[in-house]
N, C-alpha and C. Protein backbone atom coordinates (compact mmCIF):
# COMPACT_ATOMS: atom_id res chain seq x y z
N ALA A 1 -38.91 -22.05 -2.30
CA ALA A 1 -40.09 -22.34 -1.62
C ALA A 1 -40.31 -21.94 -0.35
N CYS A 2 -41.65 -21.66 -0.32
CA CYS A 2 -42.00 -20.94 1.18
C CYS A 2 -41.92 -22.00 2.30
N CYS A 3 -41.95 -23.29 2.06
CA CYS A 3 -41.47 -24.33 3.21
C CYS A 3 -40.48 -25.25 2.83
N ARG A 4 -39.92 -25.86 3.94
CA ARG A 4 -39.11 -27.01 3.82
C ARG A 4 -39.74 -28.11 4.47
N ARG A 5 -39.25 -29.19 3.69
CA ARG A 5 -39.54 -30.67 4.00
C ARG A 5 -38.68 -30.98 5.29
N ILE A 6 -39.11 -31.65 6.47
CA ILE A 6 -38.54 -32.20 7.67
C ILE A 6 -38.13 -33.65 7.44
N SER A 7 -36.68 -33.66 7.46
CA SER A 7 -36.15 -34.69 7.30
C SER A 7 -36.20 -35.97 8.17
N GLY A 8 -36.20 -37.26 7.87
CA GLY A 8 -36.40 -38.45 8.58
C GLY A 8 -37.49 -39.09 8.30
N ALA A 9 -37.71 -40.41 9.00
CA ALA A 9 -38.95 -41.08 8.81
C ALA A 9 -40.14 -40.45 9.13
N ALA A 10 -40.03 -39.84 10.40
CA ALA A 10 -41.00 -39.45 11.32
C ALA A 10 -41.73 -38.26 10.33
N GLY A 11 -40.64 -37.36 9.89
CA GLY A 11 -41.39 -36.16 9.42
C GLY A 11 -41.47 -36.17 7.93
N ARG A 12 -41.41 -37.63 7.39
CA ARG A 12 -41.67 -37.57 5.80
C ARG A 12 -43.13 -37.03 5.26
N GLY A 13 -43.02 -36.02 4.56
CA GLY A 13 -44.09 -35.64 3.71
C GLY A 13 -44.63 -34.30 4.72
N VAL A 14 -44.14 -33.97 5.63
CA VAL A 14 -44.62 -32.88 6.52
C VAL A 14 -43.71 -31.65 6.24
N ARG A 15 -44.48 -30.79 5.91
CA ARG A 15 -44.07 -29.50 5.53
C ARG A 15 -43.71 -28.18 6.95
N ARG A 16 -42.87 -27.49 7.13
CA ARG A 16 -43.15 -26.37 8.11
C ARG A 16 -42.22 -24.99 7.36
N PRO A 17 -42.63 -24.01 8.01
CA PRO A 17 -42.51 -22.73 7.33
C PRO A 17 -41.30 -22.48 7.82
N PRO A 18 -40.27 -21.94 7.07
CA PRO A 18 -38.81 -21.52 7.49
C PRO A 18 -38.71 -20.57 8.31
N PRO A 19 -37.62 -20.57 9.05
CA PRO A 19 -37.35 -19.42 10.39
C PRO A 19 -37.61 -18.12 9.69
N PRO A 20 -37.99 -17.32 10.52
CA PRO A 20 -38.34 -15.74 10.06
C PRO A 20 -36.96 -15.57 10.01
N ARG A 21 -36.92 -14.31 8.85
CA ARG A 21 -35.81 -13.56 8.36
C ARG A 21 -35.22 -12.82 9.70
N SER A 22 -33.87 -12.63 9.79
CA SER A 22 -33.34 -11.99 10.83
C SER A 22 -33.19 -10.48 10.62
N HIS A 23 -33.05 -10.10 9.53
CA HIS A 23 -32.91 -8.46 9.10
C HIS A 23 -31.76 -8.09 9.70
N GLY A 24 -30.73 -8.70 9.32
CA GLY A 24 -29.40 -8.20 9.98
C GLY A 24 -28.54 -8.91 10.96
N ARG A 25 -29.45 -10.01 11.55
CA ARG A 25 -29.18 -10.49 13.01
C ARG A 25 -29.17 -12.11 12.57
N LYS A 26 -27.77 -12.88 12.85
CA LYS A 26 -27.79 -14.25 13.06
C LYS A 26 -28.54 -14.68 13.96
N PRO A 27 -29.51 -15.83 13.96
CA PRO A 27 -30.26 -16.55 15.23
C PRO A 27 -29.41 -16.94 16.04
N PRO A 28 -29.98 -16.75 17.36
CA PRO A 28 -28.97 -17.07 18.34
C PRO A 28 -28.68 -18.54 18.55
N LEU A 29 -27.43 -18.88 18.72
CA LEU A 29 -26.48 -20.24 18.95
C LEU A 29 -27.61 -21.01 19.81
N PRO A 30 -27.63 -22.56 19.59
CA PRO A 30 -28.24 -23.29 20.67
C PRO A 30 -27.62 -23.24 21.72
N GLU A 31 -28.80 -23.90 23.03
CA GLU A 31 -27.96 -23.58 24.23
C GLU A 31 -26.88 -24.88 24.57
N ARG A 32 -25.97 -24.54 25.56
CA ARG A 32 -24.80 -25.63 25.66
C ARG A 32 -24.80 -25.37 27.15
N ASN A 33 -24.77 -26.73 27.47
CA ASN A 33 -24.66 -26.80 28.80
C ASN A 33 -25.87 -26.02 29.54
N GLY A 34 -26.97 -25.97 29.49
CA GLY A 34 -27.76 -25.15 29.72
C GLY A 34 -27.91 -23.76 29.96
N ARG A 35 -26.83 -23.41 29.36
CA ARG A 35 -26.53 -21.75 28.84
C ARG A 35 -27.05 -21.28 27.48
N PRO A 36 -27.89 -20.15 27.53
CA PRO A 36 -27.86 -19.73 25.99
C PRO A 36 -27.06 -19.45 25.18
N GLY A 37 -27.27 -19.71 24.08
CA GLY A 37 -26.06 -19.37 23.20
C GLY A 37 -26.15 -17.87 23.10
N LYS A 38 -24.85 -17.35 22.26
CA LYS A 38 -24.70 -15.85 21.72
C LYS A 38 -25.57 -15.62 20.59
N SER A 39 -25.79 -14.38 20.55
CA SER A 39 -26.53 -13.91 19.29
C SER A 39 -25.48 -12.67 18.46
N TRP A 40 -25.11 -12.83 17.58
CA TRP A 40 -24.27 -12.07 16.77
C TRP A 40 -24.97 -10.85 16.23
N LEU A 41 -24.46 -9.83 16.36
CA LEU A 41 -25.04 -8.71 15.52
C LEU A 41 -24.26 -8.38 14.16
N LEU A 42 -24.95 -8.57 13.00
CA LEU A 42 -23.83 -8.27 11.99
C LEU A 42 -24.05 -6.83 11.51
N ARG A 43 -22.68 -6.37 11.13
CA ARG A 43 -22.46 -4.83 10.53
C ARG A 43 -23.08 -4.70 9.42
N ARG A 44 -23.98 -3.66 9.33
CA ARG A 44 -24.81 -3.56 7.87
C ARG A 44 -23.74 -2.62 7.07
N PRO A 45 -23.75 -2.85 5.88
CA PRO A 45 -22.84 -2.06 5.26
C PRO A 45 -23.22 -0.80 4.80
N SER A 46 -22.44 0.22 4.69
CA SER A 46 -22.79 1.41 4.96
C SER A 46 -22.88 2.35 3.63
N ARG A 47 -23.66 2.98 3.28
CA ARG A 47 -24.15 3.57 2.02
C ARG A 47 -23.27 5.15 1.61
N ARG A 48 -22.58 5.65 2.60
CA ARG A 48 -22.11 6.52 2.68
C ARG A 48 -20.85 6.54 1.68
N PRO A 49 -20.40 7.59 1.00
CA PRO A 49 -19.29 7.46 -0.12
C PRO A 49 -18.01 7.50 0.49
N LEU A 50 -17.05 6.95 -0.03
CA LEU A 50 -15.85 6.67 0.74
C LEU A 50 -15.42 7.99 1.10
N PHE A 51 -14.65 8.21 2.38
CA PHE A 51 -14.01 9.35 2.85
C PHE A 51 -12.85 9.72 2.02
N ARG A 52 -12.47 10.56 1.50
CA ARG A 52 -11.26 10.93 0.59
C ARG A 52 -11.22 12.63 0.86
N THR A 53 -10.17 13.08 1.43
CA THR A 53 -9.79 14.42 1.29
C THR A 53 -8.32 14.48 1.24
N VAL A 54 -7.83 15.20 -0.03
CA VAL A 54 -6.36 15.30 -0.31
C VAL A 54 -5.89 16.88 0.00
N ASN A 55 -5.24 17.11 1.23
CA ASN A 55 -4.90 18.67 1.39
C ASN A 55 -3.35 18.39 0.91
N THR A 56 -3.50 18.77 -0.22
CA THR A 56 -2.01 18.97 -0.94
C THR A 56 -1.23 20.26 -0.53
N ALA A 57 -1.77 21.17 -0.36
CA ALA A 57 -1.43 22.42 -0.01
C ALA A 57 -0.63 22.15 1.56
N ALA A 58 -1.16 21.78 2.47
CA ALA A 58 -0.38 21.36 3.61
C ALA A 58 0.92 20.74 3.48
N LEU A 59 0.70 19.42 2.50
CA LEU A 59 1.59 18.61 2.32
C LEU A 59 2.90 19.18 1.48
N LEU A 60 2.67 20.08 0.32
CA LEU A 60 3.59 20.82 -0.61
C LEU A 60 4.52 21.59 0.27
N LEU A 61 3.73 22.34 1.30
CA LEU A 61 4.51 23.29 2.37
C LEU A 61 5.55 22.44 3.42
N GLN A 62 5.16 21.19 3.81
CA GLN A 62 5.81 20.43 4.47
C GLN A 62 6.95 19.86 3.66
N LEU A 63 6.80 19.54 2.34
CA LEU A 63 8.17 19.13 1.80
C LEU A 63 8.84 20.25 1.21
N ARG A 64 8.29 21.38 0.92
CA ARG A 64 9.20 22.47 0.86
C ARG A 64 10.21 22.87 2.22
N GLN A 65 9.38 23.04 3.33
CA GLN A 65 10.03 23.13 4.50
C GLN A 65 11.40 22.18 4.68
N ALA A 66 11.09 20.75 4.29
CA ALA A 66 12.15 19.76 4.37
C ALA A 66 13.19 19.69 3.40
N GLY A 67 13.06 20.61 2.29
CA GLY A 67 13.73 20.90 1.24
C GLY A 67 13.96 19.85 0.21
N LEU A 68 12.59 19.17 0.24
CA LEU A 68 12.64 18.43 -0.81
C LEU A 68 12.06 18.92 -2.12
N VAL A 69 11.34 19.99 -1.93
CA VAL A 69 10.49 20.75 -2.98
C VAL A 69 11.25 22.18 -3.12
N THR A 70 11.62 22.52 -4.34
CA THR A 70 12.39 23.61 -4.70
C THR A 70 11.56 24.51 -5.60
N SER A 71 11.21 23.98 -6.82
CA SER A 71 10.70 24.74 -7.75
C SER A 71 9.68 25.49 -7.67
N ALA A 72 9.21 26.31 -8.29
CA ALA A 72 7.93 27.31 -7.81
C ALA A 72 6.87 26.57 -8.11
N ALA A 73 6.58 25.66 -9.07
CA ALA A 73 5.35 24.99 -9.44
C ALA A 73 5.33 23.49 -9.66
N PRO A 74 5.81 22.67 -8.19
CA PRO A 74 5.35 21.39 -8.11
C PRO A 74 4.21 20.60 -8.41
N ARG A 75 4.22 19.40 -8.92
CA ARG A 75 3.10 18.88 -8.90
C ARG A 75 2.83 17.69 -8.02
N LEU A 76 1.73 17.41 -7.49
CA LEU A 76 1.58 16.26 -7.00
C LEU A 76 0.40 15.02 -7.44
N GLU A 77 0.92 14.07 -8.23
CA GLU A 77 -0.07 12.96 -8.85
C GLU A 77 -0.72 12.06 -7.84
N PRO A 78 -1.83 12.13 -7.25
CA PRO A 78 -2.19 10.98 -6.53
C PRO A 78 -2.17 9.67 -7.15
N LEU A 79 -1.49 8.73 -6.60
CA LEU A 79 -1.28 7.27 -6.95
C LEU A 79 -2.08 6.15 -6.06
N THR A 80 -2.52 5.15 -6.79
CA THR A 80 -3.32 3.98 -5.83
C THR A 80 -2.27 3.33 -4.88
N GLY A 81 -3.17 2.86 -3.81
CA GLY A 81 -2.06 1.94 -2.98
C GLY A 81 -2.68 1.70 -1.80
N GLY A 82 -4.13 1.28 -1.66
CA GLY A 82 -4.72 1.05 -0.72
C GLY A 82 -5.55 2.13 -0.19
N VAL A 83 -6.18 1.93 1.24
CA VAL A 83 -7.17 2.54 1.99
C VAL A 83 -6.34 3.28 3.17
N SER A 84 -5.40 2.86 3.61
CA SER A 84 -4.73 3.57 4.78
C SER A 84 -3.76 4.65 4.66
N SER A 85 -3.55 5.14 3.45
CA SER A 85 -2.51 6.14 3.07
C SER A 85 -2.64 6.75 1.70
N GLU A 86 -2.37 7.93 1.70
CA GLU A 86 -2.21 8.79 0.54
C GLU A 86 -0.75 8.71 -0.17
N ILE A 87 -0.80 8.58 -1.48
CA ILE A 87 0.18 8.24 -2.05
C ILE A 87 0.34 8.91 -3.21
N PHE A 88 1.68 9.70 -3.37
CA PHE A 88 1.74 11.04 -4.47
C PHE A 88 3.07 10.75 -5.19
N LEU A 89 2.95 11.05 -6.50
CA LEU A 89 4.00 11.09 -7.23
C LEU A 89 4.21 12.74 -7.35
N VAL A 90 5.46 12.92 -6.86
CA VAL A 90 5.94 14.41 -6.96
C VAL A 90 7.09 14.63 -8.13
N THR A 91 6.32 15.69 -8.81
CA THR A 91 7.12 16.26 -9.99
C THR A 91 7.56 17.80 -9.63
N ASP A 92 9.14 17.87 -9.44
CA ASP A 92 9.73 18.84 -9.04
C ASP A 92 10.71 19.33 -10.06
N ASP A 93 10.45 20.07 -11.03
CA ASP A 93 11.10 20.32 -12.22
C ASP A 93 11.44 18.69 -12.89
N ALA A 94 12.76 18.68 -13.01
CA ALA A 94 13.22 17.20 -13.66
C ALA A 94 13.01 16.03 -12.51
N ARG A 95 13.07 16.28 -11.71
CA ARG A 95 13.16 15.33 -10.19
C ARG A 95 11.62 14.65 -9.91
N ARG A 96 11.76 13.58 -9.92
CA ARG A 96 10.70 12.70 -9.40
C ARG A 96 10.72 11.88 -8.14
N PHE A 97 9.78 11.86 -7.32
CA PHE A 97 9.72 10.81 -6.14
C PHE A 97 8.38 10.67 -5.48
N VAL A 98 8.17 9.85 -4.62
CA VAL A 98 7.14 9.56 -4.26
C VAL A 98 6.82 9.80 -2.71
N VAL A 99 5.75 10.32 -2.18
CA VAL A 99 5.64 10.53 -0.82
C VAL A 99 4.09 9.81 -0.55
N LYS A 100 4.46 8.96 0.87
CA LYS A 100 3.26 8.40 1.39
C LYS A 100 2.75 8.91 2.52
N ARG A 101 1.90 9.10 2.82
CA ARG A 101 1.13 9.98 4.00
C ARG A 101 0.21 8.83 4.67
N ALA A 102 0.07 8.87 5.81
CA ALA A 102 -0.61 7.87 6.37
C ALA A 102 -2.15 8.75 6.81
N LEU A 103 -3.08 7.76 6.89
CA LEU A 103 -4.57 8.51 6.96
C LEU A 103 -4.71 8.35 8.62
N ALA A 104 -5.60 9.24 9.06
CA ALA A 104 -5.67 9.06 10.43
C ALA A 104 -7.19 8.24 10.48
N LYS A 105 -8.17 8.55 9.35
CA LYS A 105 -9.36 7.78 8.90
C LYS A 105 -8.98 7.21 7.66
N LEU A 106 -9.25 6.01 7.91
CA LEU A 106 -9.00 5.06 6.62
C LEU A 106 -10.00 5.16 5.45
N ASN A 107 -9.64 4.96 4.35
CA ASN A 107 -10.57 5.40 3.33
C ASN A 107 -11.44 4.14 2.87
N VAL A 108 -12.31 4.12 3.89
CA VAL A 108 -13.35 2.89 3.64
C VAL A 108 -14.56 3.68 3.99
N PRO A 109 -15.87 3.31 3.97
CA PRO A 109 -17.14 3.63 4.07
C PRO A 109 -17.41 3.82 5.41
N ASP A 110 -17.01 3.03 6.59
CA ASP A 110 -17.32 2.91 8.19
C ASP A 110 -16.26 3.86 8.53
N ASP A 111 -16.41 3.99 9.85
CA ASP A 111 -15.31 4.75 10.48
C ASP A 111 -14.33 4.24 11.05
N TRP A 112 -13.58 4.07 10.44
CA TRP A 112 -12.14 3.11 11.12
C TRP A 112 -11.05 4.27 11.24
N PHE A 113 -10.24 4.12 12.50
CA PHE A 113 -9.18 5.14 12.73
C PHE A 113 -7.99 4.43 13.10
N ALA A 114 -6.95 4.99 12.83
CA ALA A 114 -5.64 4.35 13.20
C ALA A 114 -4.46 5.46 13.32
N ASP A 115 -3.77 5.12 14.38
CA ASP A 115 -2.68 5.69 14.64
C ASP A 115 -1.69 6.02 13.59
N THR A 116 -1.56 7.24 13.13
CA THR A 116 -0.52 7.57 11.81
C THR A 116 1.00 7.19 12.35
N SER A 117 1.24 6.84 13.44
CA SER A 117 2.61 6.46 13.70
C SER A 117 3.04 5.48 12.85
N ARG A 118 2.05 4.58 12.53
CA ARG A 118 2.38 3.43 11.62
C ARG A 118 3.34 3.75 10.46
N ASN A 119 3.25 4.94 9.99
CA ASN A 119 3.99 5.77 8.82
C ASN A 119 5.30 5.40 9.46
N ALA A 120 5.82 5.85 10.47
CA ALA A 120 7.19 5.77 10.77
C ALA A 120 7.43 4.65 10.96
N VAL A 121 6.84 3.44 11.30
CA VAL A 121 7.10 2.15 11.36
C VAL A 121 7.59 1.77 10.00
N GLU A 122 6.72 2.10 9.02
CA GLU A 122 7.09 1.49 8.00
C GLU A 122 8.65 2.12 7.18
N GLN A 123 8.56 3.62 7.63
CA GLN A 123 9.83 4.06 7.11
C GLN A 123 11.07 3.35 7.73
N ALA A 124 10.92 3.13 8.95
CA ALA A 124 11.95 2.33 9.55
C ALA A 124 12.33 1.12 9.19
N PHE A 125 11.09 0.22 8.58
CA PHE A 125 11.24 -0.94 8.06
C PHE A 125 12.01 -0.87 6.75
N PHE A 126 11.68 0.18 5.82
CA PHE A 126 12.55 0.39 4.60
C PHE A 126 14.06 0.68 4.95
N ALA A 127 14.44 1.42 5.94
CA ALA A 127 15.52 1.36 6.41
C ALA A 127 16.48 0.41 6.80
N GLU A 128 15.68 -0.59 7.39
CA GLU A 128 16.14 -1.76 7.88
C GLU A 128 16.55 -2.43 7.10
N ALA A 129 15.70 -2.94 5.94
CA ALA A 129 15.74 -3.46 5.01
C ALA A 129 16.83 -3.23 3.79
N ALA A 130 16.89 -1.94 3.71
CA ALA A 130 17.72 -1.54 2.88
C ALA A 130 19.24 -1.79 3.11
N SER A 131 19.48 -2.32 4.37
CA SER A 131 21.11 -2.74 4.63
C SER A 131 21.08 -4.24 4.41
N ILE A 132 19.90 -4.74 4.12
CA ILE A 132 19.89 -6.09 3.79
C ILE A 132 19.68 -6.44 2.35
N ILE A 133 18.62 -6.04 1.95
CA ILE A 133 18.27 -6.22 0.49
C ILE A 133 18.24 -4.98 -0.13
N PRO A 134 19.30 -3.88 -0.48
CA PRO A 134 19.15 -2.73 -0.86
C PRO A 134 18.16 -2.64 -2.54
N GLU A 135 18.44 -3.92 -3.31
CA GLU A 135 18.10 -3.96 -4.33
C GLU A 135 16.46 -4.19 -4.22
N SER A 136 16.02 -4.29 -3.18
CA SER A 136 14.36 -4.65 -3.24
C SER A 136 13.59 -3.68 -2.46
N VAL A 137 14.36 -2.38 -1.89
CA VAL A 137 13.25 -1.46 -1.45
C VAL A 137 13.81 0.03 -2.17
N PRO A 138 13.17 1.00 -1.90
CA PRO A 138 13.39 2.46 -2.84
C PRO A 138 14.05 2.87 -1.61
N ARG A 139 15.02 3.88 -1.86
CA ARG A 139 15.73 4.49 -1.24
C ARG A 139 15.00 5.84 -0.66
N LEU A 140 15.09 5.92 0.83
CA LEU A 140 14.56 7.06 1.47
C LEU A 140 14.93 8.36 1.14
N LEU A 141 14.37 9.47 1.19
CA LEU A 141 14.86 10.82 0.93
C LEU A 141 14.38 11.66 1.99
N GLY A 142 13.62 11.27 3.10
CA GLY A 142 12.97 11.96 4.09
C GLY A 142 11.77 11.86 4.72
N GLY A 143 11.36 12.45 5.59
CA GLY A 143 10.15 12.08 6.40
C GLY A 143 10.03 12.99 7.36
N ASP A 144 8.72 12.98 8.02
CA ASP A 144 8.35 13.69 9.12
C ASP A 144 7.39 12.55 9.85
N ALA A 145 7.86 12.09 11.09
CA ALA A 145 7.18 11.51 11.42
C ALA A 145 5.94 11.65 12.57
N THR A 146 5.88 12.94 12.82
CA THR A 146 4.94 13.93 13.46
C THR A 146 3.49 14.18 12.54
N ALA A 147 3.97 14.37 11.40
CA ALA A 147 2.92 14.53 10.22
C ALA A 147 2.64 13.16 9.67
N GLY A 148 3.41 12.25 9.67
CA GLY A 148 2.84 10.95 9.26
C GLY A 148 2.93 10.51 7.74
N TRP A 149 4.53 11.10 7.30
CA TRP A 149 4.72 11.08 5.97
C TRP A 149 6.28 10.58 5.78
N PHE A 150 6.22 9.99 4.56
CA PHE A 150 7.93 9.96 4.38
C PHE A 150 8.06 10.06 2.84
N ALA A 151 9.38 10.33 2.22
CA ALA A 151 9.37 10.41 0.79
C ALA A 151 10.59 9.33 0.38
N MET A 152 10.15 9.03 -0.58
CA MET A 152 11.30 7.60 -1.31
C MET A 152 11.36 8.07 -2.66
N GLN A 153 12.12 6.95 -3.02
CA GLN A 153 12.66 6.74 -4.53
C GLN A 153 11.60 6.57 -5.62
N TYR A 154 11.43 6.90 -6.56
CA TYR A 154 10.60 6.64 -7.48
C TYR A 154 11.13 5.78 -8.73
N PHE A 155 10.62 4.50 -8.82
CA PHE A 155 11.47 3.47 -9.69
C PHE A 155 11.32 3.71 -11.05
N GLY A 156 10.35 4.53 -11.40
CA GLY A 156 10.00 4.96 -13.00
C GLY A 156 8.51 4.26 -13.33
N ASP A 157 8.33 4.29 -14.51
CA ASP A 157 6.99 3.90 -15.23
C ASP A 157 7.28 2.42 -15.61
N GLY A 158 6.07 1.93 -16.05
CA GLY A 158 6.53 0.29 -16.77
C GLY A 158 6.55 -0.82 -15.70
N PHE A 159 6.37 -0.51 -14.41
CA PHE A 159 6.23 -1.77 -13.36
C PHE A 159 5.03 -2.01 -13.07
N SER A 160 4.94 -3.08 -13.00
CA SER A 160 3.47 -4.00 -12.37
C SER A 160 4.09 -4.88 -11.17
N THR A 161 2.91 -5.02 -10.15
CA THR A 161 2.84 -5.12 -8.91
C THR A 161 2.79 -7.10 -9.14
N TRP A 162 3.34 -7.85 -8.44
CA TRP A 162 3.24 -9.24 -8.47
C TRP A 162 1.54 -9.70 -8.23
N LYS A 163 1.07 -8.67 -7.20
CA LYS A 163 -0.43 -9.03 -7.05
C LYS A 163 -1.56 -8.86 -8.07
N LYS A 164 -0.97 -7.80 -8.89
CA LYS A 164 -1.85 -7.44 -9.90
C LYS A 164 -1.54 -8.57 -11.09
N GLN A 165 -0.58 -9.08 -11.25
CA GLN A 165 -0.28 -10.23 -12.26
C GLN A 165 -0.85 -11.30 -11.98
N LEU A 166 -1.04 -11.59 -10.65
CA LEU A 166 -1.44 -12.69 -9.76
C LEU A 166 -3.26 -12.88 -10.61
N LEU A 167 -3.80 -11.74 -10.09
CA LEU A 167 -4.91 -11.49 -10.35
C LEU A 167 -5.54 -11.59 -11.87
N ALA A 168 -4.62 -11.26 -12.75
CA ALA A 168 -4.57 -11.28 -13.94
C ALA A 168 -4.57 -12.72 -14.60
N GLY A 169 -4.16 -13.80 -13.38
CA GLY A 169 -3.83 -15.08 -14.16
C GLY A 169 -2.63 -15.55 -14.59
N GLU A 170 -1.73 -14.23 -14.26
CA GLU A 170 -0.35 -14.49 -15.03
C GLU A 170 0.65 -15.21 -13.63
N ALA A 171 0.70 -16.59 -13.46
CA ALA A 171 1.78 -16.98 -12.45
C ALA A 171 2.96 -17.38 -13.28
N ASP A 172 4.05 -16.79 -12.47
CA ASP A 172 5.37 -17.25 -12.72
C ASP A 172 6.24 -17.67 -11.63
N ALA A 173 6.47 -19.21 -11.99
CA ALA A 173 7.46 -19.49 -10.89
C ALA A 173 8.78 -18.75 -10.28
N GLU A 174 9.55 -18.19 -11.52
CA GLU A 174 10.60 -17.44 -10.94
C GLU A 174 10.10 -15.96 -10.30
N HIS A 175 9.07 -15.48 -10.59
CA HIS A 175 8.59 -14.55 -9.48
C HIS A 175 8.56 -15.05 -8.06
N ALA A 176 7.94 -16.39 -7.90
CA ALA A 176 7.55 -16.82 -6.39
C ALA A 176 9.18 -17.15 -5.84
N ARG A 177 9.99 -17.74 -6.56
CA ARG A 177 11.35 -17.86 -5.87
C ARG A 177 11.89 -16.82 -5.28
N ARG A 178 12.02 -15.70 -6.53
CA ARG A 178 12.70 -14.36 -6.25
C ARG A 178 11.98 -13.70 -4.73
N ALA A 179 10.58 -13.89 -4.75
CA ALA A 179 10.10 -13.46 -3.40
C ALA A 179 10.43 -14.35 -2.04
N GLY A 180 10.57 -15.49 -2.41
CA GLY A 180 11.14 -16.52 -1.25
C GLY A 180 12.48 -16.19 -0.97
N THR A 181 13.26 -15.96 -1.94
CA THR A 181 15.04 -15.63 -1.45
C THR A 181 15.09 -14.17 -0.90
N THR A 182 13.63 -13.43 -1.24
CA THR A 182 14.15 -12.09 -0.28
C THR A 182 13.63 -12.12 1.11
N LEU A 183 12.69 -12.81 1.52
CA LEU A 183 11.87 -13.16 2.43
C LEU A 183 13.15 -13.75 3.33
N GLY A 184 13.59 -14.78 2.79
CA GLY A 184 14.77 -15.64 3.23
C GLY A 184 15.86 -14.84 4.00
N LYS A 185 16.36 -13.87 3.10
CA LYS A 185 17.52 -12.81 3.47
C LYS A 185 16.83 -12.33 4.70
N LEU A 186 15.72 -11.67 4.49
CA LEU A 186 15.09 -10.73 5.56
C LEU A 186 15.19 -11.57 7.07
N HIS A 187 14.72 -12.79 6.95
CA HIS A 187 14.66 -13.59 7.85
C HIS A 187 16.09 -14.05 8.83
N ARG A 188 16.85 -14.34 7.77
CA ARG A 188 18.26 -14.88 8.27
C ARG A 188 18.83 -13.61 9.05
N ALA A 189 18.55 -12.15 8.31
CA ALA A 189 19.43 -11.37 8.90
C ALA A 189 18.84 -10.39 10.43
N THR A 190 17.76 -10.79 10.56
CA THR A 190 16.91 -10.28 11.59
C THR A 190 16.47 -11.20 12.59
N TRP A 191 16.52 -12.54 12.36
CA TRP A 191 16.15 -13.44 13.39
C TRP A 191 16.72 -13.34 14.98
N ASP A 192 16.13 -13.31 15.62
CA ASP A 192 16.68 -13.14 17.20
C ASP A 192 17.48 -12.13 17.42
N ASN A 193 17.11 -11.01 16.64
CA ASN A 193 17.85 -9.60 16.77
C ASN A 193 16.93 -8.95 17.84
N ALA A 194 17.78 -8.76 19.27
CA ALA A 194 16.88 -7.84 20.06
C ALA A 194 16.90 -6.48 19.74
N SER A 195 17.77 -5.95 19.39
CA SER A 195 17.57 -4.61 18.87
C SER A 195 16.67 -4.31 17.69
N VAL A 196 16.53 -5.31 16.91
CA VAL A 196 15.30 -4.99 15.84
C VAL A 196 13.75 -5.46 16.50
N ARG A 197 13.78 -6.19 17.27
CA ARG A 197 12.70 -6.46 18.01
C ARG A 197 12.12 -5.28 18.94
N ARG A 198 13.00 -4.55 19.48
CA ARG A 198 12.58 -3.41 20.31
C ARG A 198 12.21 -2.19 19.22
N ARG A 199 12.93 -2.35 18.33
CA ARG A 199 12.42 -0.86 17.36
C ARG A 199 10.99 -1.58 16.72
N PHE A 200 10.81 -2.69 16.45
CA PHE A 200 9.55 -2.83 15.66
C PHE A 200 8.52 -3.54 16.41
N ALA A 201 8.55 -2.96 17.94
CA ALA A 201 7.49 -3.75 18.83
C ALA A 201 6.29 -3.24 18.33
N THR A 202 5.49 -3.36 17.36
CA THR A 202 4.01 -2.54 17.09
C THR A 202 2.95 -3.77 17.14
N ARG A 203 3.23 -4.52 17.84
CA ARG A 203 2.09 -5.45 17.93
C ARG A 203 0.76 -4.91 18.15
N SER A 204 0.89 -3.79 19.36
CA SER A 204 -0.35 -3.18 19.56
C SER A 204 -1.03 -2.79 18.38
N GLU A 205 -0.48 -2.00 17.61
CA GLU A 205 -1.01 -1.42 16.36
C GLU A 205 -1.82 -2.48 15.60
N GLU A 206 -1.45 -3.68 15.50
CA GLU A 206 -1.92 -4.76 14.75
C GLU A 206 -3.27 -4.77 15.46
N HIS A 207 -3.20 -4.56 16.72
CA HIS A 207 -5.02 -4.94 17.33
C HIS A 207 -5.91 -4.04 17.37
N THR A 208 -5.07 -2.66 16.88
CA THR A 208 -6.24 -1.52 16.68
C THR A 208 -6.95 -1.51 15.34
N SER A 209 -6.88 -1.99 14.46
CA SER A 209 -7.30 -1.95 13.56
C SER A 209 -7.18 -3.32 12.53
N GLU A 210 -8.21 -3.24 11.67
CA GLU A 210 -8.41 -4.69 10.92
C GLU A 210 -7.85 -4.50 9.64
N LEU A 211 -7.45 -3.23 9.43
CA LEU A 211 -6.86 -2.78 7.76
C LEU A 211 -5.44 -2.26 8.13
N GLN A 212 -4.48 -3.08 7.68
CA GLN A 212 -3.26 -2.41 7.83
C GLN A 212 -2.36 -2.58 6.40
N SER A 213 -1.28 -1.62 6.04
CA SER A 213 -1.01 -1.66 4.94
C SER A 213 0.12 -2.61 4.80
N LEU A 214 0.37 -3.55 3.69
CA LEU A 214 0.92 -4.84 3.64
C LEU A 214 2.43 -4.65 4.05
N THR A 215 2.79 -3.55 3.88
CA THR A 215 4.51 -3.29 4.14
C THR A 215 4.48 -3.28 5.84
N ASN A 216 3.64 -2.86 6.46
CA ASN A 216 3.71 -2.91 7.87
C ASN A 216 3.44 -4.44 8.46
N LEU A 217 2.72 -5.25 7.70
CA LEU A 217 2.52 -6.37 8.28
C LEU A 217 3.46 -7.31 7.71
N VAL A 218 4.20 -7.18 6.62
CA VAL A 218 5.54 -7.77 6.61
C VAL A 218 6.50 -7.55 7.44
N CYS A 219 6.55 -6.21 7.90
CA CYS A 219 7.65 -5.70 8.96
C CYS A 219 7.26 -6.83 10.16
N ARG A 220 6.09 -6.72 10.72
CA ARG A 220 5.87 -7.45 11.90
C ARG A 220 6.17 -8.85 11.71
N LEU A 221 5.71 -9.49 10.58
CA LEU A 221 6.25 -10.83 10.35
C LEU A 221 7.60 -11.23 10.34
N LEU A 222 8.15 -10.42 9.54
CA LEU A 222 9.67 -10.62 9.25
C LEU A 222 10.61 -10.02 10.35
N LEU A 223 10.10 -9.13 11.22
CA LEU A 223 11.29 -8.43 12.00
C LEU A 223 10.68 -8.95 13.39
N GLU A 224 9.73 -9.00 13.79
CA GLU A 224 9.48 -9.53 14.95
C GLU A 224 9.84 -11.04 15.46
């Protein structure tokens, strides 16, 4: 409707026009204690395509220099895994492993940048977790903190993430029990540990970007 009715007895039957469209801006908040309210600017969605650049040649060279790749024709297959990193399945003759490389510019339409040192924090988390729950984390194979990548064990095909199952409406109480047990082991082993607290003092990174990898988030929540 082009007009809306004023509520209340005094305004019964009286119509007034709706407020003008804000065109991307919320109307200012009402005055409070004689001071004008704030006006919040909404971010308009960008129509630019997602930023995506995969420089596999440079990564392959780094893997070869690290001794992780030795064959003449290794293959890198991009895997899904979020917007903050590139993840590859590396096939080197009969050997297969996964490489995760942090992106300086996140793979989103807007310009979001983040320090790639978060990759080293995630690698350190896997190393710490391996001493507590070795059955629940991949084995680390190597990495380069300066270049922002690390290599890890590939568990093989046929696995599905818990998140994917939940989104598909598949809820299994046993999965929740096992997740809680795993988190409990991490809590018990790292609670009030000064050494762990120093090594994972990454709270500043939490405030530099609204988009973080899930593993880094778990690392902060459990090990801080």
